[in-house]
PDB file of N, CA and C in Angstrom:
ATOM      1  N   MET A   1      11.322 187.820   8.358  1.00  0.00           N
ATOM      2  CA  MET A   1       9.951 187.356   8.369  1.00  0.00           C
ATOM      3  C   MET A   1       9.499 187.090   9.787  1.00  0.00           C
ATOM      4  N   THR A   2       9.463 188.102  10.593  1.00  0.00           N
ATOM      5  CA  THR A   2       8.992 187.933  11.961  1.00  0.00           C
ATOM      6  C   THR A   2       7.485 188.111  11.990  1.00  0.00           C
ATOM      7  N   SER A   3       6.862 187.584  13.027  1.00  0.00           N
ATOM      8  CA  SER A   3       5.418 187.729  13.157  1.00  0.00           C
ATOM      9  C   SER A   3       5.058 189.112  13.693  1.00  0.00           C
ATOM     10  N   ASN A   4       6.032 189.832  14.193  1.00  0.00           N
ATOM     11  CA  ASN A   4       5.789 191.183  14.688  1.00  0.00           C
ATOM     12  C   ASN A   4       5.778 192.159  13.535  1.00  0.00           C
ATOM     13  N   THR A   5       5.271 193.350  13.798  1.00  0.00           N
ATOM     14  CA  THR A   5       5.290 194.381  12.764  1.00  0.00           C
ATOM     15  C   THR A   5       6.680 194.996  12.643  1.00  0.00           C
ATOM     16  N   GLU A   6       7.492 194.836  13.683  1.00  0.00           N
ATOM     17  CA  GLU A   6       8.845 195.369  13.658  1.00  0.00           C
ATOM     18  C   GLU A   6       9.729 194.536  12.738  1.00  0.00           C
ATOM     19  N   GLU A   7      10.442 195.178  11.845  1.00  0.00           N
ATOM     20  CA  GLU A   7      11.357 194.495  10.940  1.00  0.00           C
ATOM     21  C   GLU A   7      12.608 194.097  11.703  1.00  0.00           C
ATOM     22  N   TRP A   8      13.137 192.875  11.438  1.00  0.00           N
ATOM     23  CA  TRP A   8      14.302 192.386  12.148  1.00  0.00           C
ATOM     24  C   TRP A   8      15.560 193.095  11.686  1.00  0.00           C
ATOM     25  N   ASN A   9      16.447 193.361  12.626  1.00  0.00           N
ATOM     26  CA  ASN A   9      17.815 193.794  12.327  1.00  0.00           C
ATOM     27  C   ASN A   9      18.672 193.332  13.501  1.00  0.00           C
ATOM     28  N   PRO A  10      19.998 193.385  13.366  1.00  0.00           N
ATOM     29  CA  PRO A  10      20.855 192.838  14.427  1.00  0.00           C
ATOM     30  C   PRO A  10      20.671 193.471  15.805  1.00  0.00           C
ATOM     31  N   SER A  11      20.012 194.604  15.895  1.00  0.00           N
ATOM     32  CA  SER A  11      19.836 195.246  17.201  1.00  0.00           C
ATOM     33  C   SER A  11      18.449 195.051  17.790  1.00  0.00           C
ATOM     34  N   THR A  12      17.543 194.381  17.089  1.00  0.00           N
ATOM     35  CA  THR A  12      16.174 194.272  17.598  1.00  0.00           C
ATOM     36  C   THR A  12      16.072 193.496  18.902  1.00  0.00           C
ATOM     37  N   TRP A  13      17.063 192.628  19.171  1.00  0.00           N
ATOM     38  CA  TRP A  13      17.016 191.873  20.429  1.00  0.00           C
ATOM     39  C   TRP A  13      17.032 192.801  21.635  1.00  0.00           C
ATOM     40  N   LYS A  14      17.609 193.992  21.468  1.00  0.00           N
ATOM     41  CA  LYS A  14      17.700 194.925  22.591  1.00  0.00           C
ATOM     42  C   LYS A  14      16.330 195.469  22.995  1.00  0.00           C
ATOM     43  N   SER A  15      15.359 195.423  22.073  1.00  0.00           N
ATOM     44  CA  SER A  15      14.029 195.967  22.379  1.00  0.00           C
ATOM     45  C   SER A  15      13.097 194.922  22.993  1.00  0.00           C
ATOM     46  N   LYS A  16      13.553 193.673  23.092  1.00  0.00           N
ATOM     47  CA  LYS A  16      12.717 192.601  23.624  1.00  0.00           C
ATOM     48  C   LYS A  16      12.713 192.618  25.153  1.00  0.00           C
ATOM     49  N   PRO A  17      11.624 192.137  25.765  1.00  0.00           N
ATOM     50  CA  PRO A  17      11.589 192.094  27.234  1.00  0.00           C
ATOM     51  C   PRO A  17      12.618 191.106  27.773  1.00  0.00           C
ATOM     52  N   ILE A  18      13.195 191.448  28.898  1.00  0.00           N
ATOM     53  CA  ILE A  18      14.177 190.577  29.545  1.00  0.00           C
ATOM     54  C   ILE A  18      13.419 189.587  30.416  1.00  0.00           C
ATOM     55  N   VAL A  19      13.516 188.304  30.049  1.00  0.00           N
ATOM     56  CA  VAL A  19      12.806 187.264  30.787  1.00  0.00           C
ATOM     57  C   VAL A  19      13.776 186.506  31.689  1.00  0.00           C
ATOM     58  N   GLN A  20      14.946 186.199  31.169  1.00  0.00           N
ATOM     59  CA  GLN A  20      15.988 185.527  31.953  1.00  0.00           C
ATOM     60  C   GLN A  20      17.246 186.377  31.829  1.00  0.00           C
ATOM     61  N   ASP A  21      17.537 187.131  32.830  1.00  0.00           N
ATOM     62  CA  ASP A  21      18.635 188.093  32.769  1.00  0.00           C
ATOM     63  C   ASP A  21      19.952 187.469  33.204  1.00  0.00           C
ATOM     64  N   VAL A  22      20.995 187.847  32.523  1.00  0.00           N
ATOM     65  CA  VAL A  22      22.352 187.459  32.887  1.00  0.00           C
ATOM     66  C   VAL A  22      23.052 188.719  33.384  1.00  0.00           C
ATOM     67  N   VAL A  23      23.666 188.626  34.538  1.00  0.00           N
ATOM     68  CA  VAL A  23      24.379 189.770  35.094  1.00  0.00           C
ATOM     69  C   VAL A  23      25.862 189.610  34.777  1.00  0.00           C
ATOM     70  N   TYR A  24      26.396 190.531  34.011  1.00  0.00           N
ATOM     71  CA  TYR A  24      27.815 190.510  33.658  1.00  0.00           C
ATOM     72  C   TYR A  24      28.558 191.464  34.585  1.00  0.00           C
ATOM     73  N   GLU A  25      29.646 190.995  35.133  1.00  0.00           N
ATOM     74  CA  GLU A  25      30.398 191.811  36.083  1.00  0.00           C
ATOM     75  C   GLU A  25      31.188 192.917  35.397  1.00  0.00           C
ATOM     76  N   ASN A  26      31.566 192.703  34.135  1.00  0.00           N
ATOM     77  CA  ASN A  26      32.426 193.655  33.448  1.00  0.00           C
ATOM     78  C   ASN A  26      31.752 194.125  32.163  1.00  0.00           C
ATOM     79  N   GLN A  27      31.029 195.239  32.234  1.00  0.00           N
ATOM     80  CA  GLN A  27      30.294 195.751  31.083  1.00  0.00           C
ATOM     81  C   GLN A  27      31.237 196.170  29.955  1.00  0.00           C
ATOM     82  N   ASP A  28      32.440 196.632  30.288  1.00  0.00           N
ATOM     83  CA  ASP A  28      33.401 196.985  29.243  1.00  0.00           C
ATOM     84  C   ASP A  28      33.768 195.764  28.404  1.00  0.00           C
ATOM     85  N   GLN A  29      33.958 194.639  29.070  1.00  0.00           N
ATOM     86  CA  GLN A  29      34.281 193.414  28.337  1.00  0.00           C
ATOM     87  C   GLN A  29      33.096 192.972  27.477  1.00  0.00           C
ATOM     88  N   VAL A  30      31.886 193.106  27.997  1.00  0.00           N
ATOM     89  CA  VAL A  30      30.689 192.785  27.222  1.00  0.00           C
ATOM     90  C   VAL A  30      30.646 193.639  25.964  1.00  0.00           C
ATOM     91  N   ASP A  31      30.907 194.926  26.114  1.00  0.00           N
ATOM     92  CA  ASP A  31      30.901 195.837  24.969  1.00  0.00           C
ATOM     93  C   ASP A  31      31.972 195.457  23.949  1.00  0.00           C
ATOM     94  N   ARG A  32      33.162 195.062  24.432  1.00  0.00           N
ATOM     95  CA  ARG A  32      34.227 194.633  23.510  1.00  0.00           C
ATOM     96  C   ARG A  32      33.821 193.392  22.730  1.00  0.00           C
ATOM     97  N   VAL A  33      33.206 192.446  23.422  1.00  0.00           N
ATOM     98  CA  VAL A  33      32.768 191.215  22.752  1.00  0.00           C
ATOM     99  C   VAL A  33      31.678 191.528  21.732  1.00  0.00           C
ATOM    100  N   LEU A  34      30.710 192.352  22.108  1.00  0.00           N
ATOM    101  CA  LEU A  34      29.648 192.715  21.172  1.00  0.00           C
ATOM    102  C   LEU A  34      30.214 193.436  19.946  1.00  0.00           C
ATOM    103  N   ASN A  35      31.195 194.307  20.165  1.00  0.00           N
ATOM    104  CA  ASN A  35      31.832 194.992  19.030  1.00  0.00           C
ATOM    105  C   ASN A  35      32.558 194.001  18.135  1.00  0.00           C
ATOM    106  N   LYS A  36      33.229 193.024  18.735  1.00  0.00           N
ATOM    107  CA  LYS A  36      33.920 192.007  17.941  1.00  0.00           C
ATOM    108  C   LYS A  36      32.913 191.181  17.144  1.00  0.00           C
ATOM    109  N   LEU A  37      31.843 190.758  17.786  1.00  0.00           N
ATOM    110  CA  LEU A  37      30.817 189.990  17.091  1.00  0.00           C
ATOM    111  C   LEU A  37      30.213 190.780  15.934  1.00  0.00           C
ATOM    112  N   HIS A  38      30.067 192.066  16.135  1.00  0.00           N
ATOM    113  CA  HIS A  38      29.510 192.932  15.098  1.00  0.00           C
ATOM    114  C   HIS A  38      30.398 192.938  13.849  1.00  0.00           C
ATOM    115  N   ARG A  39      31.705 192.804  14.042  1.00  0.00           N
ATOM    116  CA  ARG A  39      32.645 192.847  12.916  1.00  0.00           C
ATOM    117  C   ARG A  39      32.813 191.497  12.222  1.00  0.00           C
ATOM    118  N   LEU A  40      32.420 190.405  12.878  1.00  0.00           N
ATOM    119  CA  LEU A  40      32.599 189.075  12.305  1.00  0.00           C
ATOM    120  C   LEU A  40      31.557 188.805  11.215  1.00  0.00           C
ATOM    121  N   PRO A  41      31.897 187.916  10.282  1.00  0.00           N
ATOM    122  CA  PRO A  41      30.914 187.553   9.251  1.00  0.00           C
ATOM    123  C   PRO A  41      29.775 186.750   9.870  1.00  0.00           C
ATOM    124  N   PRO A  42      28.647 186.673   9.196  1.00  0.00           N
ATOM    125  CA  PRO A  42      27.520 185.898   9.728  1.00  0.00           C
ATOM    126  C   PRO A  42      27.893 184.431   9.923  1.00  0.00           C
ATOM    127  N   MET A  43      27.253 183.791  10.873  1.00  0.00           N
ATOM    128  CA  MET A  43      27.504 182.373  11.125  1.00  0.00           C
ATOM    129  C   MET A  43      26.866 181.496  10.046  1.00  0.00           C
ATOM    130  N   VAL A  44      25.779 181.964   9.473  1.00  0.00           N
ATOM    131  CA  VAL A  44      25.106 181.239   8.399  1.00  0.00           C
ATOM    132  C   VAL A  44      24.769 182.227   7.291  1.00  0.00           C
ATOM    133  N   SER A  45      24.646 181.717   6.085  1.00  0.00           N
ATOM    134  CA  SER A  45      24.326 182.577   4.947  1.00  0.00           C
ATOM    135  C   SER A  45      22.808 182.720   4.817  1.00  0.00           C
ATOM    136  N   PRO A  46      22.363 183.759   4.144  1.00  0.00           N
ATOM    137  CA  PRO A  46      20.920 183.892   3.894  1.00  0.00           C
ATOM    138  C   PRO A  46      20.355 182.662   3.168  1.00  0.00           C
ATOM    139  N   GLN A  47      21.135 182.062   2.278  1.00  0.00           N
ATOM    140  CA  GLN A  47      20.657 180.872   1.564  1.00  0.00           C
ATOM    141  C   GLN A  47      20.456 179.704   2.522  1.00  0.00           C
ATOM    142  N   GLU A  48      21.346 179.565   3.502  1.00  0.00           N
ATOM    143  CA  GLU A  48      21.173 178.498   4.495  1.00  0.00           C
ATOM    144  C   GLU A  48      19.891 178.710   5.302  1.00  0.00           C
ATOM    145  N   ILE A  49      19.585 179.952   5.597  1.00  0.00           N
ATOM    146  CA  ILE A  49      18.357 180.273   6.331  1.00  0.00           C
ATOM    147  C   ILE A  49      17.136 179.902   5.495  1.00  0.00           C
ATOM    148  N   GLU A  50      17.157 180.273   4.222  1.00  0.00           N
ATOM    149  CA  GLU A  50      16.037 179.941   3.338  1.00  0.00           C
ATOM    150  C   GLU A  50      15.892 178.428   3.175  1.00  0.00           C
ATOM    151  N   ASN A  51      17.027 177.723   3.051  1.00  0.00           N
ATOM    152  CA  ASN A  51      16.979 176.256   2.945  1.00  0.00           C
ATOM    153  C   ASN A  51      16.339 175.648   4.196  1.00  0.00           C
ATOM    154  N   LEU A  52      16.735 176.143   5.362  1.00  0.00           N
ATOM    155  CA  LEU A  52      16.164 175.633   6.613  1.00  0.00           C
ATOM    156  C   LEU A  52      14.669 175.918   6.670  1.00  0.00           C
ATOM    157  N   ARG A  53      14.262 177.106   6.278  1.00  0.00           N
ATOM    158  CA  ARG A  53      12.829 177.435   6.278  1.00  0.00           C
ATOM    159  C   ARG A  53      12.050 176.458   5.396  1.00  0.00           C
ATOM    160  N   GLU A  54      12.600 176.167   4.224  1.00  0.00           N
ATOM    161  CA  GLU A  54      11.928 175.240   3.315  1.00  0.00           C
ATOM    162  C   GLU A  54      11.876 173.836   3.914  1.00  0.00           C
ATOM    163  N   GLN A  55      12.964 173.407   4.537  1.00  0.00           N
ATOM    164  CA  GLN A  55      12.986 172.086   5.161  1.00  0.00           C
ATOM    165  C   GLN A  55      11.993 172.007   6.319  1.00  0.00           C
ATOM    166  N   LEU A  56      11.909 173.068   7.131  1.00  0.00           N
ATOM    167  CA  LEU A  56      10.947 173.087   8.237  1.00  0.00           C
ATOM    168  C   LEU A  56       9.515 173.116   7.721  1.00  0.00           C
ATOM    169  N   LYS A  57       9.304 173.781   6.603  1.00  0.00           N
ATOM    170  CA  LYS A  57       7.981 173.785   5.974  1.00  0.00           C
ATOM    171  C   LYS A  57       7.590 172.358   5.593  1.00  0.00           C
ATOM    172  N   GLN A  58       8.543 171.605   5.027  1.00  0.00           N
ATOM    173  CA  GLN A  58       8.268 170.223   4.644  1.00  0.00           C
ATOM    174  C   GLN A  58       7.933 169.372   5.868  1.00  0.00           C
ATOM    175  N   VAL A  59       8.593 169.647   6.985  1.00  0.00           N
ATOM    176  CA  VAL A  59       8.286 168.943   8.235  1.00  0.00           C
ATOM    177  C   VAL A  59       6.878 169.299   8.687  1.00  0.00           C
ATOM    178  N   ALA A  60       6.554 170.593   8.675  1.00  0.00           N
ATOM    179  CA  ALA A  60       5.231 171.047   9.124  1.00  0.00           C
ATOM    180  C   ALA A  60       4.117 170.463   8.264  1.00  0.00           C
ATOM    181  N   LEU A  61       4.392 170.237   6.979  1.00  0.00           N
ATOM    182  CA  LEU A  61       3.400 169.659   6.074  1.00  0.00           C
ATOM    183  C   LEU A  61       3.326 168.138   6.184  1.00  0.00           C
ATOM    184  N   GLY A  62       4.212 167.551   6.993  1.00  0.00           N
ATOM    185  CA  GLY A  62       4.212 166.107   7.171  1.00  0.00           C
ATOM    186  C   GLY A  62       4.948 165.351   6.082  1.00  0.00           C
ATOM    187  N   HIS A  63       5.726 166.061   5.270  1.00  0.00           N
ATOM    188  CA  HIS A  63       6.467 165.434   4.172  1.00  0.00           C
ATOM    189  C   HIS A  63       7.891 165.061   4.570  1.00  0.00           C
ATOM    190  N   SER A  64       8.287 165.435   5.759  1.00  0.00           N
ATOM    191  CA  SER A  64       9.651 165.183   6.204  1.00  0.00           C
ATOM    192  C   SER A  64       9.640 164.961   7.706  1.00  0.00           C
ATOM    193  N   PHE A  65      10.782 164.525   8.228  1.00  0.00           N
ATOM    194  CA  PHE A  65      10.913 164.205   9.645  1.00  0.00           C
ATOM    195  C   PHE A  65      12.039 165.053  10.223  1.00  0.00           C
ATOM    196  N   LEU A  66      11.834 165.570  11.409  1.00  0.00           N
ATOM    197  CA  LEU A  66      12.840 166.403  12.062  1.00  0.00           C
ATOM    198  C   LEU A  66      13.395 165.658  13.270  1.00  0.00           C
ATOM    199  N   LEU A  67      14.710 165.492  13.277  1.00  0.00           N
ATOM    200  CA  LEU A  67      15.407 164.941  14.438  1.00  0.00           C
ATOM    201  C   LEU A  67      16.202 166.091  15.036  1.00  0.00           C
ATOM    202  N   GLN A  68      15.803 166.523  16.230  1.00  0.00           N
ATOM    203  CA  GLN A  68      16.424 167.675  16.860  1.00  0.00           C
ATOM    204  C   GLN A  68      17.246 167.225  18.053  1.00  0.00           C
ATOM    205  N   GLY A  69      18.443 167.752  18.177  1.00  0.00           N
ATOM    206  CA  GLY A  69      19.290 167.410  19.307  1.00  0.00           C
ATOM    207  C   GLY A  69      19.798 168.652  19.997  1.00  0.00           C
ATOM    208  N   GLY A  70      20.106 168.507  21.250  1.00  0.00           N
ATOM    209  CA  GLY A  70      20.638 169.640  21.991  1.00  0.00           C
ATOM    210  C   GLY A  70      20.185 169.587  23.431  1.00  0.00           C
ATOM    211  N   ASP A  71      20.652 170.530  24.194  1.00  0.00           N
ATOM    212  CA  ASP A  71      20.322 170.590  25.605  1.00  0.00           C
ATOM    213  C   ASP A  71      19.930 172.023  25.918  1.00  0.00           C
ATOM    214  N   CYS A  72      18.648 172.277  25.975  1.00  0.00           N
ATOM    215  CA  CYS A  72      18.195 173.649  26.195  1.00  0.00           C
ATOM    216  C   CYS A  72      18.521 174.131  27.604  1.00  0.00           C
ATOM    217  N   ALA A  73      18.889 173.219  28.492  1.00  0.00           N
ATOM    218  CA  ALA A  73      19.204 173.596  29.864  1.00  0.00           C
ATOM    219  C   ALA A  73      20.713 173.664  30.092  1.00  0.00           C
ATOM    220  N   GLU A  74      21.473 173.655  29.021  1.00  0.00           N
ATOM    221  CA  GLU A  74      22.927 173.646  29.150  1.00  0.00           C
ATOM    222  C   GLU A  74      23.436 174.985  29.691  1.00  0.00           C
ATOM    223  N   LEU A  75      24.397 174.903  30.582  1.00  0.00           N
ATOM    224  CA  LEU A  75      25.006 176.102  31.136  1.00  0.00           C
ATOM    225  C   LEU A  75      26.091 176.620  30.195  1.00  0.00           C
ATOM    226  N   PHE A  76      26.301 177.921  30.174  1.00  0.00           N
ATOM    227  CA  PHE A  76      27.367 178.494  29.359  1.00  0.00           C
ATOM    228  C   PHE A  76      28.723 177.903  29.737  1.00  0.00           C
ATOM    229  N   ASP A  77      28.886 177.563  31.013  1.00  0.00           N
ATOM    230  CA  ASP A  77      30.158 176.993  31.477  1.00  0.00           C
ATOM    231  C   ASP A  77      30.497 175.675  30.788  1.00  0.00           C
ATOM    232  N   TYR A  78      29.480 174.971  30.293  1.00  0.00           N
ATOM    233  CA  TYR A  78      29.701 173.673  29.659  1.00  0.00           C
ATOM    234  C   TYR A  78      30.076 173.788  28.182  1.00  0.00           C
ATOM    235  N   CYS A  79      29.959 174.968  27.622  1.00  0.00           N
ATOM    236  CA  CYS A  79      30.209 175.139  26.198  1.00  0.00           C
ATOM    237  C   CYS A  79      31.697 175.019  25.879  1.00  0.00           C
ATOM    238  N   SER A  80      31.986 174.274  24.825  1.00  0.00           N
ATOM    239  CA  SER A  80      33.344 174.152  24.330  1.00  0.00           C
ATOM    240  C   SER A  80      33.279 173.756  22.869  1.00  0.00           C
ATOM    241  N   ALA A  81      34.406 173.790  22.183  1.00  0.00           N
ATOM    242  CA  ALA A  81      34.436 173.419  20.778  1.00  0.00           C
ATOM    243  C   ALA A  81      34.153 171.934  20.584  1.00  0.00           C
ATOM    244  N   VAL A  82      34.476 171.131  21.566  1.00  0.00           N
ATOM    245  CA  VAL A  82      34.293 169.682  21.440  1.00  0.00           C
ATOM    246  C   VAL A  82      32.818 169.305  21.552  1.00  0.00           C
ATOM    247  N   LYS A  83      32.111 169.909  22.455  1.00  0.00           N
ATOM    248  CA  LYS A  83      30.727 169.536  22.720  1.00  0.00           C
ATOM    249  C   LYS A  83      29.839 169.574  21.466  1.00  0.00           C
ATOM    250  N   PRO A  84      29.813 170.666  20.680  1.00  0.00           N
ATOM    251  CA  PRO A  84      28.950 170.651  19.493  1.00  0.00           C
ATOM    252  C   PRO A  84      29.328 169.545  18.513  1.00  0.00           C
ATOM    253  N   GLU A  85      30.620 169.263  18.386  1.00  0.00           N
ATOM    254  CA  GLU A  85      31.038 168.187  17.479  1.00  0.00           C
ATOM    255  C   GLU A  85      30.540 166.838  17.986  1.00  0.00           C
ATOM    256  N   GLU A  86      30.665 166.618  19.286  1.00  0.00           N
ATOM    257  CA  GLU A  86      30.176 165.364  19.857  1.00  0.00           C
ATOM    258  C   GLU A  86      28.668 165.237  19.661  1.00  0.00           C
ATOM    259  N   ARG A  87      27.965 166.328  19.877  1.00  0.00           N
ATOM    260  CA  ARG A  87      26.516 166.317  19.696  1.00  0.00           C
ATOM    261  C   ARG A  87      26.167 166.036  18.235  1.00  0.00           C
ATOM    262  N   GLY A  88      26.917 166.647  17.336  1.00  0.00           N
ATOM    263  CA  GLY A  88      26.680 166.423  15.915  1.00  0.00           C
ATOM    264  C   GLY A  88      26.859 164.962  15.550  1.00  0.00           C
ATOM    265  N   GLU A  89      27.901 164.335  16.088  1.00  0.00           N
ATOM    266  CA  GLU A  89      28.126 162.910  15.828  1.00  0.00           C
ATOM    267  C   GLU A  89      26.982 162.067  16.385  1.00  0.00           C
ATOM    268  N   HIS A  90      26.513 162.435  17.566  1.00  0.00           N
ATOM    269  CA  HIS A  90      25.414 161.696  18.190  1.00  0.00           C
ATOM    270  C   HIS A  90      24.142 161.814  17.347  1.00  0.00           C
ATOM    271  N   VAL A  91      23.834 163.015  16.881  1.00  0.00           N
ATOM    272  CA  VAL A  91      22.647 163.222  16.051  1.00  0.00           C
ATOM    273  C   VAL A  91      22.787 162.462  14.738  1.00  0.00           C
ATOM    274  N   THR A  92      23.989 162.480  14.147  1.00  0.00           N
ATOM    275  CA  THR A  92      24.221 161.743  12.906  1.00  0.00           C
ATOM    276  C   THR A  92      24.007 160.251  13.108  1.00  0.00           C
ATOM    277  N   GLN A  93      24.516 159.719  14.223  1.00  0.00           N
ATOM    278  CA  GLN A  93      24.319 158.303  14.519  1.00  0.00           C
ATOM    279  C   GLN A  93      22.832 157.964  14.673  1.00  0.00           C
ATOM    280  N   ASN A  94      22.108 158.821  15.381  1.00  0.00           N
ATOM    281  CA  ASN A  94      20.672 158.588  15.560  1.00  0.00           C
ATOM    282  C   ASN A  94      19.922 158.680  14.242  1.00  0.00           C
ATOM    283  N   SER A  95      20.279 159.648  13.410  1.00  0.00           N
ATOM    284  CA  SER A  95      19.589 159.781  12.129  1.00  0.00           C
ATOM    285  C   SER A  95      19.870 158.576  11.244  1.00  0.00           C
ATOM    286  N   SER A  96      21.091 158.053  11.292  1.00  0.00           N
ATOM    287  CA  SER A  96      21.412 156.841  10.525  1.00  0.00           C
ATOM    288  C   SER A  96      20.568 155.664  11.007  1.00  0.00           C
ATOM    289  N   LEU A  97      20.401 155.560  12.316  1.00  0.00           N
ATOM    290  CA  LEU A  97      19.574 154.489  12.878  1.00  0.00           C
ATOM    291  C   LEU A  97      18.125 154.628  12.411  1.00  0.00           C
ATOM    292  N   PHE A  98      17.586 155.831  12.481  1.00  0.00           N
ATOM    293  CA  PHE A  98      16.208 156.050  12.030  1.00  0.00           C
ATOM    294  C   PHE A  98      16.057 155.735  10.549  1.00  0.00           C
ATOM    295  N   LEU A  99      17.043 156.099   9.758  1.00  0.00           N
ATOM    296  CA  LEU A  99      16.993 155.831   8.326  1.00  0.00           C
ATOM    297  C   LEU A  99      16.993 154.323   8.065  1.00  0.00           C
ATOM    298  N   ARG A 100      17.852 153.580   8.768  1.00  0.00           N
ATOM    299  CA  ARG A 100      17.887 152.118   8.595  1.00  0.00           C
ATOM    300  C   ARG A 100      16.552 151.490   8.981  1.00  0.00           C
ATOM    301  N   ILE A 101      15.973 151.948  10.067  1.00  0.00           N
ATOM    302  CA  ILE A 101      14.673 151.423  10.508  1.00  0.00           C
ATOM    303  C   ILE A 101      13.598 151.751   9.478  1.00  0.00           C
ATOM    304  N   ARG A 102      13.632 152.949   8.960  1.00  0.00           N
ATOM    305  CA  ARG A 102      12.637 153.400   7.982  1.00  0.00           C
ATOM    306  C   ARG A 102      12.736 152.596   6.694  1.00  0.00           C
ATOM    307  N   LEU A 103      13.945 152.254   6.284  1.00  0.00           N
ATOM    308  CA  LEU A 103      14.141 151.550   5.022  1.00  0.00           C
ATOM    309  C   LEU A 103      13.970 150.041   5.151  1.00  0.00           C
ATOM    310  N   ARG A 104      13.843 149.542   6.371  1.00  0.00           N
ATOM    311  CA  ARG A 104      13.692 148.098   6.590  1.00  0.00           C
ATOM    312  C   ARG A 104      12.300 147.667   6.118  1.00  0.00           C
ATOM    313  N   PRO A 105      12.211 146.548   5.399  1.00  0.00           N
ATOM    314  CA  PRO A 105      10.885 146.083   4.951  1.00  0.00           C
ATOM    315  C   PRO A 105       9.981 145.796   6.145  1.00  0.00           C
ATOM    316  N   SER A 106       8.714 146.051   5.989  1.00  0.00           N
ATOM    317  CA  SER A 106       7.740 145.825   7.071  1.00  0.00           C
ATOM    318  C   SER A 106       7.379 144.378   7.212  1.00  0.00           C
TER     319      SER A 106
END
Protein backbone atom coordinates (compact mmCIF):
# COMPACT_ATOMS: atom_id res chain seq x y z
CA MET A 1 0.00 0.00 0.00
CA THR A 2 2.45 2.62 -1.12
CA SER A 3 1.37 6.09 -2.16
CA ASN A 4 3.27 5.64 -5.42
CA THR A 5 1.82 3.95 -8.45
CA GLU A 6 4.69 1.47 -8.32
CA GLU A 7 3.79 -1.74 -6.49
CA TRP A 8 6.18 -2.65 -3.65
CA ASN A 9 8.50 -5.64 -3.87
CA PRO A 10 11.81 -6.45 -2.16
CA SER A 11 13.79 -4.80 -4.97
CA THR A 12 11.91 -1.50 -5.25
CA TRP A 13 14.39 0.22 -2.92
CA LYS A 14 16.93 0.02 -5.75
CA SER A 15 14.80 2.37 -7.89
CA LYS A 16 14.65 5.10 -5.22
CA PRO A 17 16.88 8.19 -5.38
CA ILE A 18 20.04 8.02 -3.29
CA VAL A 19 19.85 10.78 -0.69
CA GLN A 20 22.39 9.56 1.88
CA ASP A 21 24.88 7.24 0.23
CA VAL A 22 27.00 4.68 2.01
CA VAL A 23 30.24 3.71 0.31
CA TYR A 24 31.11 0.05 0.81
CA GLU A 25 34.71 -0.90 0.22
CA ASN A 26 33.95 -4.52 -0.67
CA GLN A 27 31.09 -4.90 -3.16
CA ASP A 28 31.51 -8.69 -3.19
CA GLN A 29 30.82 -8.80 0.53
CA VAL A 30 27.79 -6.52 0.06
CA ASP A 31 26.46 -8.91 -2.58
CA ARG A 32 27.01 -11.91 -0.27
CA VAL A 33 25.13 -10.20 2.55
CA LEU A 34 22.27 -9.20 0.25
CA ASN A 35 22.05 -12.78 -1.04
CA LYS A 36 21.97 -14.09 2.53
CA LEU A 37 19.27 -11.62 3.51
CA HIS A 38 17.28 -12.66 0.46
CA ARG A 39 17.27 -16.27 1.71
CA LEU A 40 16.27 -15.45 5.30
CA PRO A 41 12.63 -15.47 6.43
CA PRO A 42 10.89 -12.12 6.88
CA MET A 43 11.57 -10.23 10.10
CA VAL A 44 7.85 -9.64 10.61
CA SER A 45 4.76 -11.44 9.36
CA PRO A 46 2.14 -9.86 7.11
CA GLN A 47 -0.29 -10.09 10.05
CA GLU A 48 2.09 -8.08 12.24
CA ILE A 49 2.21 -5.42 9.53
CA GLU A 50 -1.58 -5.28 9.33
CA ASN A 51 -1.83 -5.11 13.14
CA LEU A 52 0.61 -2.19 13.19
CA ARG A 53 -1.32 -0.39 10.45
CA GLU A 54 -4.53 -0.75 12.46
CA GLN A 55 -2.82 0.46 15.64
CA LEU A 56 -1.35 3.48 13.81
CA LYS A 57 -4.78 4.22 12.37
CA GLN A 58 -6.15 4.31 15.93
CA VAL A 59 -3.38 6.75 16.88
CA ALA A 60 -4.13 8.95 13.85
CA LEU A 61 -7.82 9.00 14.80
CA GLY A 62 -6.92 10.09 18.34
CA HIS A 63 -8.17 6.85 19.92
CA SER A 64 -4.74 5.68 21.02
CA PHE A 65 -1.35 7.00 22.08
CA LEU A 66 1.99 6.27 20.44
CA LEU A 67 5.20 6.13 22.46
CA GLN A 68 8.09 5.93 20.02
CA GLY A 69 11.67 5.24 21.00
CA GLY A 70 14.90 5.09 19.12
CA ASP A 71 17.79 7.12 17.85
CA CYS A 72 17.45 8.15 14.24
CA ALA A 73 21.00 9.52 14.33
CA GLU A 74 22.54 6.26 15.52
CA LEU A 75 25.64 5.09 13.72
CA PHE A 76 25.84 1.55 12.35
CA ASP A 77 28.96 1.10 14.49
CA TYR A 78 26.80 1.41 17.62
CA CYS A 79 24.45 -1.42 16.66
CA SER A 80 24.59 -4.58 18.73
CA ALA A 81 22.22 -7.23 20.04
CA VAL A 82 22.21 -5.61 23.48
CA LYS A 83 21.21 -2.12 22.38
CA PRO A 84 17.71 -2.97 21.00
CA GLU A 85 16.95 -4.97 24.15
CA GLU A 86 18.04 -2.09 26.36
CA ARG A 87 15.95 0.31 24.31
CA GLY A 88 12.98 -2.03 24.54
CA GLU A 89 13.29 -2.11 28.33
CA HIS A 90 13.52 1.67 28.44
CA VAL A 91 10.40 2.08 26.27
CA THR A 92 8.54 -0.48 28.41
CA GLN A 93 9.48 1.41 31.57
CA ASN A 94 8.29 4.70 30.06
CA SER A 95 5.04 3.18 28.84
CA SER A 96 4.39 1.76 32.32
CA LEU A 97 4.97 5.22 33.78
CA PHE A 98 2.57 6.82 31.30
CA LEU A 99 -0.03 4.16 32.03
CA ARG A 100 0.23 4.75 35.81
CA ILE A 101 -0.13 8.51 35.29
CA ARG A 102 -3.09 8.00 32.97
CA LEU A 103 -4.88 5.71 35.42
CA ARG A 104 -4.29 8.00 38.42
CA PRO A 105 -7.48 9.80 39.55
CA SER A 106 -7.57 13.48 38.63
